[in-house]
Structure formats: C-alpha cells, structure tokens
Amino acid sequence: MPPLFSVVIPTFNRSDLFPYAVKSILNQSFRDFEIVLSDNCSGDDTPQIAQQFGDPRFKYVCTSSHFTIGDSWEFARKQASGGLIIMLSDDDVLVSTALEHFAAEVQDCDGDFLFSSIAEYRDNTYPGEDRNSVSCTGFSGLSRVVSTDEFVRPLFSFRQKFNMHPSAFAFPKKIADYVASRTGRFFWTNGVEYSAWPITAAFAKRIVHMDMPLTILGRTGKSWGSNIVQCNPGKEKIQAFIKDVDHVHKYVPLNNFTIINLIAEGILTAKHLFPREFASYEFDELNYLRGVMHELRRRQALGVDVSAEIDETLRYSSKYPSLDRELRETKASSRYQKDSFVQLSRSAVGKLVGRKIRQRIHSSRLAQELKRGEVGQGFKISGDNFCFSNILECSQFLQKSAITPKLEALGVKAAPARHGIDLQFSQQ
C-alpha cells in the first residue's frame, strides 16, 4: 500500500546540505512516508552520500542530464507514490512533528491541500549578517480552513497573504496527476509554486493552514533566496544561479528574475491553462510594476547592477502616466536609500560589542517567554545563545522550545492519525 506522504527532495550539487533534509524526515514522529532524493545530475559526491541512508523508505533517483528547475521538479514529482506529496527543498527541514500535524489535519478537517507557517534559518555560510540564527514570525498554534478565493486572489493582486514556499506545502498526488493529464505536466514555471499552488487550490476539497513553523527554510551560501534576493554575492555567482533556469517568459511583459516576475509568470500560466477556473481573477498590472520596481530598487541598494531591468520597467510603465511618475520619483530617491544603507552598515559595525551584550539579555528574557508559550510577537535568535549550530539542531530547538510549549499553553495536541487515510479527488 502506498504511504500517506512522499517527501520529495530535488537536489543539485548540495551533498553538504541535503542530508539535513533527509534526517529531518527520518526523525518524524509520524512514520507512514517515503523519501525520494531526486538528483539533477550532480557533479559532486551526492550519489555516494545518498548511499549512506539505508532506510527502506529512502530511495535515490537521478535525471539523465541536467534539467532546468521546472523540468527537474517535474521529474522528481513523478517518482512519488504517496497520497500527499511534499517537495522539500534540499536546504530546508521539517520539525519532527510536522507530518503528524499534516496527517491530523487530513483526518480531522478532511484537508487535501495543506500548508504550514515557516521559520528561516541562516547557516554559517550565509552571505550576509546574522549567521547561525533563526527568525520566526508570531504564530497562533492553530489550524483553519482557507477558502480558494482567500488563497488565490491576493496572488493576482500582488498582496500575497501566505508564504508560498514549496517546502511548507503538501498536495494530493491525484490532483497533480489530473493536472498533468490535462496540460502535459504539473510544474510549469521557474517559480514552480506560483502556477502549481493556485491550480491545486482550484481543485482541492479543502485547504488547511497550520499556523505554526513546521517548516524551516535554510538560507545558505548556495540558496537562491540568499543570493538573488537578500544579498549581493557578486555578478558571477548571480549569473550562475540564473543560468540554471528557463529564460523563456511566455506571459509576463518584463524580462527579469525578480520574485515578483516569478509570481506573475506563474499565475498567468495558471490562468492560461485553466481559464474557466481563474476567470474571476484579474491580473493587477499596476501592482505588478510597483512590486518589480520595489524589488529592483532593493537590489540596487545592495550594489547589484539592475540598470537594464529598471530601464525596461520604466519604458513599459510609460503607458500609465501616473504610475510612470511614481516609479521615476522612486528612482530619484534611490540614491538616498543607498547612502542610508551604507551609513547604517557602518553604524552597525561600530555598535557590534553593545549589540552582543543586548542579545544576551534579550535571549534570557526570550527563553522565559518561549517556555510560557508566548510566541505571538515572533522572535529572532542566535544559535550561539541557544545551543544550536546547524539547521537540524535548530529544528529540534524550535520543536522543543517554541512549538510544544505553545501547544501545551493552548491545551492542543495533534491527534494520532490513522494509517491508510483515503484521499478522494473528483473532477470539478
């Protein structure tokens, strides 16, 4: 009988990272799963490291050649046999009770498209500040059903309500196979989630959000988000990341690699593939252009040369005179943003010693708050002060010191889910 969960881990040249992801699944309290490590034709020792996992629920597969991101993820997805699939990035992990909570919501809420809140861990190779630290927004510890409209509409208006990171989502194999039978595949775009998740939401029986950080996103020296969005690793490294993606944009008007453009290409792809299901959702081009320019300005402040992308955005926005003025005014003020950034950076260096002292005081107070389950305001802490030094140890800390105390304070406990849960899917 197929397992309830297939945890699929696409990887490429990250033999130092994916073992943490694999171990986080082997450590799960809920045991009805398989792990599929899908190697995108790595050139490092990934095959040899994979052989060290002798658990019968673990299997290693490899592409015939190096694929683009979308093709690699589609290949990986096809290897799954479980009723629910989680596409866990190779630099991320799940806390030890994650699958238990997912399974409980399948049973209790009849959910078939489920996702959790997240925390972010910056490891010791992160190309920016605050290495070996974790940040987590406030969370309630509760689950609730989310309507299709609540999930999808904010994407089309570029007022995203939930974090869409793939690692935090479990989706039904039956829906993915149905979508592939109609369109040729399930994962279509570079930002795979931005087409796949709206489509899944359109066909899901029930969408359930678990407001607790069951998923920890790894921010490393090899991570896309760290190098393309949050930091400036240098032109050569940025180009190496971009080389690995599909450069054809079918539906968006601009040609850049901002997250906003990934979102836009994804939702427009979903609308093209399933026009009836997304007929009521209009693409907000003005907010799209604002979002692109905001992201480009942020990169410019980091010293990344995005002048060509900014010029392209301004040329296109000239069709909207009022917006064009707004974006050009943003351009005029960007120099001051950059100067402020430099001044703040210099100031931070000068205050480093005082900052360390304040961190210790804050850590002592935070430890008491976590013990009482007081996580409503969120937190950002250093592993040096809470005795963790990698993402797996960080996940153990979050489980023991943040999630469990919060649930105990609420009097909530995940019900043991039975094996062999039936996931029905009918075409709508």
Protein backbone atom coordinates (compact mmCIF):
# COMPACT_ATOMS: atom_id res chain seq x y z
CA MET A 1 0.00 0.00 0.00
CA PRO A 2 1.43 3.45 -0.90
CA PRO A 3 2.46 5.66 2.04
CA LEU A 4 0.42 8.67 3.07
CA PHE A 5 3.34 11.04 2.40
CA SER A 6 6.01 11.21 -0.28
CA VAL A 7 8.67 13.72 0.76
CA VAL A 8 10.50 14.53 -2.46
CA ILE A 9 13.85 16.35 -2.21
CA PRO A 10 15.16 17.76 -5.51
CA THR A 11 18.91 18.40 -5.25
CA PHE A 12 21.88 19.55 -7.32
CA ASN A 13 25.48 19.71 -6.08
CA ARG A 14 24.48 20.07 -2.45
CA SER A 15 25.84 16.94 -0.80
CA ASP A 16 26.64 19.08 2.26
CA LEU A 17 23.02 20.20 2.66
CA PHE A 18 20.52 17.51 1.64
CA PRO A 19 21.49 15.08 4.47
CA TYR A 20 19.91 17.53 6.95
CA ALA A 21 16.65 17.45 4.97
CA VAL A 22 16.68 13.64 4.80
CA LYS A 23 17.45 13.25 8.51
CA SER A 24 14.65 15.64 9.43
CA ILE A 25 12.19 13.27 7.74
CA LEU A 26 13.69 10.12 9.24
CA ASN A 27 13.22 11.80 12.64
CA GLN A 28 9.46 12.29 12.13
CA SER A 29 7.06 11.10 14.84
CA PHE A 30 4.62 10.04 12.08
CA ARG A 31 6.16 7.12 10.20
CA ASP A 32 3.97 6.49 7.13
CA PHE A 33 6.17 8.11 4.49
CA GLU A 34 8.71 7.61 1.76
CA ILE A 35 11.67 9.86 0.92
CA VAL A 36 12.67 10.43 -2.70
CA LEU A 37 16.01 12.16 -3.24
CA SER A 38 15.96 13.35 -6.86
CA ASP A 39 19.43 14.25 -8.13
CA ASN A 40 19.54 16.73 -11.02
CA CYS A 41 22.74 15.14 -12.40
CA SER A 42 25.07 16.49 -9.72
CA GLY A 43 28.81 16.66 -10.27
CA ASP A 44 29.73 16.29 -6.60
CA ASP A 45 29.56 13.25 -4.29
CA THR A 46 25.75 13.31 -3.96
CA PRO A 47 25.34 9.66 -5.16
CA GLN A 48 27.89 8.42 -2.64
CA ILE A 49 26.41 10.38 0.26
CA ALA A 50 22.91 9.15 -0.68
CA GLN A 51 24.09 5.53 -0.35
CA GLN A 52 24.70 6.10 3.36
CA PHE A 53 20.95 6.16 4.04
CA GLY A 54 19.94 2.54 4.45
CA ASP A 55 16.33 3.09 5.49
CA PRO A 56 13.99 1.11 3.16
CA ARG A 57 11.71 4.16 2.87
CA PHE A 58 14.52 6.15 1.25
CA LYS A 59 15.22 5.96 -2.48
CA TYR A 60 17.63 7.80 -4.76
CA VAL A 61 16.85 8.71 -8.38
CA CYS A 62 18.80 10.76 -10.91
CA THR A 63 17.94 12.65 -14.08
CA SER A 64 19.53 11.56 -17.36
CA SER A 65 21.09 15.03 -17.81
CA HIS A 66 20.99 18.38 -16.04
CA PHE A 67 17.49 19.88 -16.27
CA THR A 68 16.17 23.39 -15.68
CA ILE A 69 14.40 23.93 -12.36
CA GLY A 70 10.88 23.29 -13.67
CA ASP A 71 11.88 20.13 -15.56
CA SER A 72 13.87 18.81 -12.59
CA TRP A 73 10.93 19.28 -10.24
CA GLU A 74 8.52 17.63 -12.66
CA PHE A 75 10.84 14.63 -12.97
CA ALA A 76 11.12 14.45 -9.18
CA ARG A 77 7.37 14.67 -8.63
CA LYS A 78 6.72 11.75 -10.96
CA GLN A 79 8.79 9.47 -8.72
CA ALA A 80 6.39 9.88 -5.78
CA SER A 81 3.85 7.20 -4.86
CA GLY A 82 2.33 8.70 -1.68
CA GLY A 83 -1.17 10.16 -1.44
CA LEU A 84 0.24 13.54 -0.41
CA ILE A 85 3.47 14.97 -1.81
CA ILE A 86 5.80 17.45 -0.12
CA MET A 87 8.51 18.99 -2.32
CA LEU A 88 11.13 19.71 0.33
CA SER A 89 14.00 21.92 -0.86
CA ASP A 90 17.37 20.37 -0.15
CA ASP A 91 18.42 23.23 2.15
CA ASP A 92 15.22 23.07 4.26
CA VAL A 93 13.97 20.77 7.03
CA LEU A 94 10.73 19.85 8.79
CA VAL A 95 10.39 19.81 12.57
CA SER A 96 9.91 16.32 14.00
CA THR A 97 6.10 16.54 14.43
CA ALA A 98 5.39 18.14 11.04
CA LEU A 99 3.99 15.06 9.30
CA GLU A 100 1.98 14.22 12.43
CA HIS A 101 0.27 17.62 12.25
CA PHE A 102 -0.29 17.34 8.49
CA ALA A 103 -1.82 13.87 8.90
CA ALA A 104 -4.07 15.04 11.74
CA GLU A 105 -5.50 17.82 9.55
CA VAL A 106 -6.18 15.33 6.76
CA GLN A 107 -8.15 13.25 9.23
CA ASP A 108 -9.84 15.96 11.30
CA CYS A 109 -10.54 18.64 8.68
CA ASP A 110 -10.72 16.46 5.57
CA GLY A 111 -7.94 18.62 4.14
CA ASP A 112 -6.14 17.58 0.98
CA PHE A 113 -4.08 20.75 0.32
CA LEU A 114 -2.23 21.72 3.46
CA PHE A 115 0.50 24.16 4.41
CA SER A 116 2.26 25.46 7.49
CA SER A 117 3.88 28.67 8.58
CA ILE A 118 7.66 28.86 8.38
CA ALA A 119 10.81 29.90 10.21
CA GLU A 120 14.04 30.92 8.48
CA TYR A 121 17.49 29.69 9.48
CA ARG A 122 20.66 31.42 8.29
CA ASP A 123 23.54 28.96 8.44
CA ASN A 124 27.24 29.66 8.84
CA THR A 125 27.74 30.07 5.07
CA TYR A 126 25.01 32.70 4.65
CA PRO A 127 26.45 35.59 2.60
CA GLY A 128 25.02 38.28 4.88
CA GLU A 129 24.73 39.11 8.58
CA ASP A 130 23.23 37.10 11.48
CA ARG A 131 24.74 33.73 10.62
CA ASN A 132 23.61 30.73 12.67
CA SER A 133 20.36 32.46 13.60
CA VAL A 134 16.67 31.72 13.25
CA SER A 135 13.81 34.16 12.74
CA CYS A 136 10.17 33.27 13.23
CA THR A 137 7.09 35.43 12.96
CA GLY A 138 4.44 35.17 15.63
CA PHE A 139 2.17 32.13 15.37
CA SER A 140 -1.10 31.08 16.99
CA GLY A 141 -0.55 27.30 17.02
CA LEU A 142 -3.99 26.81 15.50
CA SER A 143 -5.23 25.46 12.17
CA ARG A 144 -8.03 26.77 10.00
CA VAL A 145 -9.68 26.15 6.65
CA VAL A 146 -8.78 28.67 3.93
CA SER A 147 -11.12 29.34 1.01
CA THR A 148 -9.90 29.13 -2.57
CA ASP A 149 -10.59 32.83 -3.04
CA GLU A 150 -8.66 33.81 0.10
CA PHE A 151 -5.70 31.78 -1.15
CA VAL A 152 -5.71 32.80 -4.83
CA ARG A 153 -6.97 36.38 -5.08
CA PRO A 154 -4.09 38.04 -3.17
CA LEU A 155 -1.66 36.46 -5.62
CA PHE A 156 -3.32 38.12 -8.61
CA SER A 157 -3.34 41.50 -6.82
CA PHE A 158 0.28 41.07 -5.60
CA ARG A 159 -0.77 41.38 -1.98
CA GLN A 160 0.36 37.90 -1.03
CA LYS A 161 -1.25 36.73 2.22
CA PHE A 162 0.64 33.47 2.83
CA ASN A 163 4.22 32.37 2.35
CA MET A 164 4.16 30.16 -0.75
CA HIS A 165 7.46 28.38 -0.26
CA PRO A 166 7.09 24.82 -1.66
CA SER A 167 8.66 23.12 1.36
CA ALA A 168 5.72 24.13 3.55
CA PHE A 169 3.02 22.52 1.34
CA ALA A 170 1.52 19.04 0.98
CA PHE A 171 -0.56 18.48 -2.16
CA PRO A 172 -2.51 15.46 -3.45
CA LYS A 173 -0.85 13.20 -5.98
CA LYS A 174 -4.28 12.69 -7.58
CA ILE A 175 -4.66 16.39 -8.37
CA ALA A 176 -1.10 16.65 -9.70
CA ASP A 177 -1.66 13.64 -11.95
CA TYR A 178 -5.00 15.07 -13.12
CA VAL A 179 -3.42 18.44 -13.98
CA ALA A 180 -0.60 16.67 -15.84
CA SER A 181 -3.12 14.58 -17.80
CA ARG A 182 -4.89 17.76 -18.96
CA THR A 183 -1.91 20.05 -19.59
CA GLY A 184 1.12 17.79 -20.03
CA ARG A 185 2.74 18.46 -16.66
CA PHE A 186 2.16 19.80 -13.13
CA PHE A 187 5.20 22.06 -12.53
CA TRP A 188 5.47 24.60 -15.32
CA THR A 189 7.50 27.67 -14.40
CA ASN A 190 10.78 28.68 -12.72
CA GLY A 191 8.80 29.72 -9.66
CA VAL A 192 7.15 26.30 -9.63
CA GLU A 193 4.80 27.07 -6.75
CA TYR A 194 3.20 30.13 -8.34
CA SER A 195 1.48 28.12 -11.03
CA ALA A 196 1.10 24.81 -9.17
CA TRP A 197 -0.40 26.11 -5.92
CA PRO A 198 -3.23 28.23 -7.42
CA ILE A 199 -4.15 25.32 -9.69
CA THR A 200 -4.14 22.89 -6.76
CA ALA A 201 -6.25 25.31 -4.72
CA ALA A 202 -8.81 25.44 -7.54
CA PHE A 203 -9.34 21.66 -7.39
CA ALA A 204 -8.73 20.88 -3.70
CA LYS A 205 -11.55 19.69 -1.46
CA ARG A 206 -10.31 21.71 1.48
CA ILE A 207 -7.29 23.96 2.03
CA VAL A 208 -5.92 23.97 5.57
CA HIS A 209 -3.33 26.33 7.02
CA MET A 210 -1.45 25.30 10.17
CA ASP A 211 -0.21 28.46 11.86
CA MET A 212 2.96 27.09 13.39
CA PRO A 213 6.52 26.88 11.98
CA LEU A 214 6.60 23.22 10.98
CA THR A 215 8.93 24.09 8.08
CA ILE A 216 12.34 25.73 8.41
CA LEU A 217 13.74 27.41 5.32
CA GLY A 218 17.51 27.25 5.05
CA ARG A 219 19.30 30.41 3.96
CA THR A 220 22.80 29.35 2.91
CA GLY A 221 25.63 30.36 0.64
CA LYS A 222 24.10 28.10 -2.02
CA SER A 223 20.46 29.17 -1.64
CA TRP A 224 18.59 31.02 -4.40
CA GLY A 225 16.82 33.35 -1.98
CA SER A 226 20.03 34.28 -0.17
CA ASN A 227 21.96 35.11 -3.31
CA ILE A 228 19.31 36.51 -5.68
CA VAL A 229 17.00 38.32 -3.23
CA GLN A 230 18.61 39.04 0.13
CA CYS A 231 22.30 39.64 -0.62
CA ASN A 232 24.78 40.58 -3.34
CA PRO A 233 27.21 37.66 -3.83
CA GLY A 234 28.74 39.21 -6.96
CA LYS A 235 27.91 39.18 -10.66
CA GLU A 236 29.48 35.79 -11.45
CA LYS A 237 27.56 33.94 -8.74
CA ILE A 238 24.28 35.65 -9.67
CA GLN A 239 24.79 34.62 -13.30
CA ALA A 240 25.48 31.03 -12.23
CA PHE A 241 22.12 30.88 -10.45
CA ILE A 242 20.25 32.44 -13.37
CA LYS A 243 21.90 30.01 -15.82
CA ASP A 244 20.01 27.15 -14.17
CA VAL A 245 16.54 28.46 -15.02
CA ASP A 246 14.36 28.62 -18.11
CA HIS A 247 14.91 32.02 -19.76
CA VAL A 248 11.65 31.95 -21.74
CA HIS A 249 8.87 34.10 -20.26
CA LYS A 250 5.61 33.35 -22.05
CA TYR A 251 3.13 35.67 -20.36
CA VAL A 252 4.82 38.43 -18.33
CA PRO A 253 5.63 41.72 -20.07
CA LEU A 254 9.06 42.15 -18.45
CA ASN A 255 12.20 40.03 -18.71
CA ASN A 256 13.86 39.95 -15.28
CA PHE A 257 14.46 37.49 -12.46
CA THR A 258 12.65 39.23 -9.63
CA ILE A 259 10.42 37.22 -7.33
CA ILE A 260 7.51 39.41 -8.49
CA ASN A 261 8.15 38.31 -12.08
CA LEU A 262 8.21 34.65 -10.98
CA ILE A 263 4.84 35.15 -9.26
CA ALA A 264 3.39 36.88 -12.33
CA GLU A 265 4.58 34.22 -14.78
CA GLY A 266 3.17 31.52 -12.51
CA ILE A 267 -0.30 32.94 -12.01
CA LEU A 268 -0.64 33.92 -15.66
CA THR A 269 0.38 30.39 -16.63
CA ALA A 270 -2.30 29.01 -14.32
CA LYS A 271 -4.88 31.35 -15.84
CA HIS A 272 -3.87 30.31 -19.36
CA LEU A 273 -4.03 26.59 -18.57
CA PHE A 274 -7.34 26.76 -16.69
CA PRO A 275 -9.22 29.83 -17.96
CA ARG A 276 -12.59 28.74 -16.56
CA GLU A 277 -11.29 28.18 -13.02
CA PHE A 278 -9.48 31.55 -12.95
CA ALA A 279 -11.95 33.64 -14.98
CA SER A 280 -12.85 35.84 -11.99
CA TYR A 281 -9.24 36.71 -11.15
CA GLU A 282 -7.79 39.78 -12.86
CA PHE A 283 -4.06 40.40 -13.17
CA ASP A 284 -3.24 43.69 -11.38
CA GLU A 285 -0.58 45.06 -13.71
CA LEU A 286 -0.09 48.30 -11.77
CA ASN A 287 0.77 46.49 -8.54
CA TYR A 288 2.91 44.09 -10.55
CA LEU A 289 5.00 47.00 -11.88
CA ARG A 290 5.22 48.59 -8.43
CA GLY A 291 6.42 45.29 -6.97
CA VAL A 292 9.04 44.79 -9.68
CA MET A 293 10.42 48.29 -9.21
CA HIS A 294 10.47 47.95 -5.41
CA GLU A 295 12.44 44.72 -5.67
CA LEU A 296 14.85 46.15 -8.23
CA ARG A 297 15.49 49.20 -6.03
CA ARG A 298 16.24 46.94 -3.09
CA ARG A 299 18.78 45.04 -5.17
CA GLN A 300 20.26 48.30 -6.42
CA ALA A 301 20.75 49.39 -2.79
CA LEU A 302 22.76 46.20 -2.26
CA GLY A 303 25.05 47.20 -5.11
CA VAL A 304 23.63 44.87 -7.76
CA ASP A 305 23.63 46.33 -11.28
CA VAL A 306 19.98 46.23 -12.36
CA SER A 307 20.05 49.35 -14.52
CA ALA A 308 18.88 47.49 -17.65
CA GLU A 309 15.95 45.94 -15.76
CA ILE A 310 14.97 49.31 -14.28
CA ASP A 311 15.08 50.98 -17.70
CA GLU A 312 12.90 48.20 -19.16
CA THR A 313 10.36 48.63 -16.35
CA LEU A 314 10.21 52.40 -16.83
CA ARG A 315 9.75 52.07 -20.58
CA TYR A 316 6.84 49.67 -20.09
CA SER A 317 5.24 51.72 -17.31
CA SER A 318 5.10 54.83 -19.55
CA LYS A 319 1.70 53.55 -20.77
CA TYR A 320 0.40 54.52 -17.30
CA PRO A 321 1.36 58.22 -16.88
CA SER A 322 0.59 58.49 -13.14
CA LEU A 323 2.38 55.23 -12.35
CA ASP A 324 5.31 56.25 -14.54
CA ARG A 325 5.77 59.41 -12.47
CA GLU A 326 5.51 57.40 -9.26
CA LEU A 327 8.19 54.93 -10.37
CA ARG A 328 10.50 57.67 -11.63
CA GLU A 329 10.21 59.52 -8.32
CA THR A 330 11.26 56.29 -6.66
CA LYS A 331 14.26 56.30 -8.98
CA ALA A 332 15.23 59.82 -7.94
CA SER A 333 15.21 58.91 -4.25
CA SER A 334 17.12 55.64 -4.60
CA ARG A 335 20.49 57.35 -4.10
CA TYR A 336 19.43 58.41 -0.62
CA GLN A 337 18.30 54.88 0.17
CA LYS A 338 21.71 53.57 -0.82
CA ASP A 339 23.55 56.21 1.22
CA SER A 340 21.40 55.40 4.25
CA PHE A 341 22.15 51.71 3.78
CA VAL A 342 25.89 52.39 3.82
CA GLN A 343 25.61 54.63 6.89
CA LEU A 344 23.56 52.04 8.75
CA SER A 345 26.09 49.33 7.88
CA ARG A 346 28.96 51.43 9.24
CA SER A 347 26.98 52.24 12.34
CA ALA A 348 26.23 48.55 12.91
CA VAL A 349 29.94 47.70 12.85
CA GLY A 350 30.65 50.40 15.43
CA LYS A 351 27.96 49.06 17.77
CA LEU A 352 28.83 45.37 17.48
CA VAL A 353 30.02 44.94 21.07
CA GLY A 354 26.95 46.61 22.54
CA ARG A 355 24.76 44.52 20.29
CA LYS A 356 26.24 41.27 21.64
CA ILE A 357 25.51 42.33 25.21
CA ARG A 358 21.94 43.27 24.36
CA GLN A 359 21.48 39.93 22.58
CA ARG A 360 22.41 38.02 25.73
CA ILE A 361 19.96 39.99 27.83
CA HIS A 362 17.26 39.57 25.19
CA SER A 363 17.97 35.83 24.91
CA SER A 364 17.49 35.30 28.64
CA ARG A 365 14.13 37.09 28.58
CA LEU A 366 13.05 35.30 25.39
CA ALA A 367 13.84 31.87 26.85
CA GLN A 368 11.31 32.53 29.63
CA GLU A 369 8.69 33.76 27.16
CA LEU A 370 9.11 30.68 24.97
CA LYS A 371 8.79 28.42 27.98
CA ARG A 372 5.39 30.01 28.69
CA GLY A 373 4.31 29.62 25.05
CA GLU A 374 4.38 33.38 24.45
CA VAL A 375 5.30 33.48 20.75
CA GLY A 376 2.67 35.89 19.46
CA GLN A 377 5.24 38.58 18.60
CA GLY A 378 7.72 36.24 16.95
CA PHE A 379 11.44 36.17 17.60
CA LYS A 380 14.91 36.23 16.09
CA ILE A 381 17.67 34.48 18.00
CA SER A 382 21.25 33.31 17.65
CA GLY A 383 22.21 29.67 17.85
CA ASP A 384 25.24 30.72 19.88
CA ASN A 385 22.88 31.72 22.70
CA PHE A 386 20.51 28.75 22.38
CA CYS A 387 22.96 25.92 21.67
CA PHE A 388 22.31 25.04 18.03
CA SER A 389 24.83 25.23 15.18
CA ASN A 390 23.02 23.81 12.12
CA ILE A 391 19.52 23.68 10.69
CA LEU A 392 18.70 20.23 12.09
CA GLU A 393 19.64 21.28 15.62
CA CYS A 394 17.64 24.48 15.03
CA SER A 395 14.58 22.38 14.15
CA GLN A 396 14.95 20.44 17.38
CA PHE A 397 15.19 23.69 19.32
CA LEU A 398 12.04 25.09 17.66
CA GLN A 399 10.10 21.90 18.33
CA LYS A 400 11.08 21.67 21.97
CA SER A 401 11.27 25.33 22.94
CA ALA A 402 8.64 27.07 20.78
CA ILE A 403 6.06 24.76 19.19
CA THR A 404 5.49 22.29 22.05
CA PRO A 405 5.17 24.97 24.78
CA LYS A 406 2.74 26.94 22.61
CA LEU A 407 0.52 23.91 22.01
CA GLU A 408 0.65 22.98 25.69
CA ALA A 409 -0.39 26.52 26.62
CA LEU A 410 -3.37 26.14 24.28
CA GLY A 411 -4.20 22.67 25.53
CA VAL A 412 -3.83 21.43 21.94
CA LYS A 413 -2.28 18.15 20.92
CA ALA A 414 -2.16 16.63 17.45
CA ALA A 415 -4.37 13.54 17.38
CA PRO A 416 -2.59 10.37 16.28
CA ALA A 417 -3.62 9.95 12.65
CA ARG A 418 -4.54 6.53 11.42
CA HIS A 419 -2.61 4.95 8.56
CA GLY A 420 -4.27 4.35 5.23
CA ILE A 421 -6.20 7.62 5.12
CA ASP A 422 -8.20 7.74 1.89
CA LEU A 423 -7.69 10.87 -0.21
CA GLN A 424 -10.57 11.23 -2.63
CA PHE A 425 -10.47 13.54 -5.62
CA SER A 426 -13.20 14.18 -8.14
CA GLN A 427 -13.01 16.36 -11.23
CA GLN A 428 -14.92 19.62 -10.76
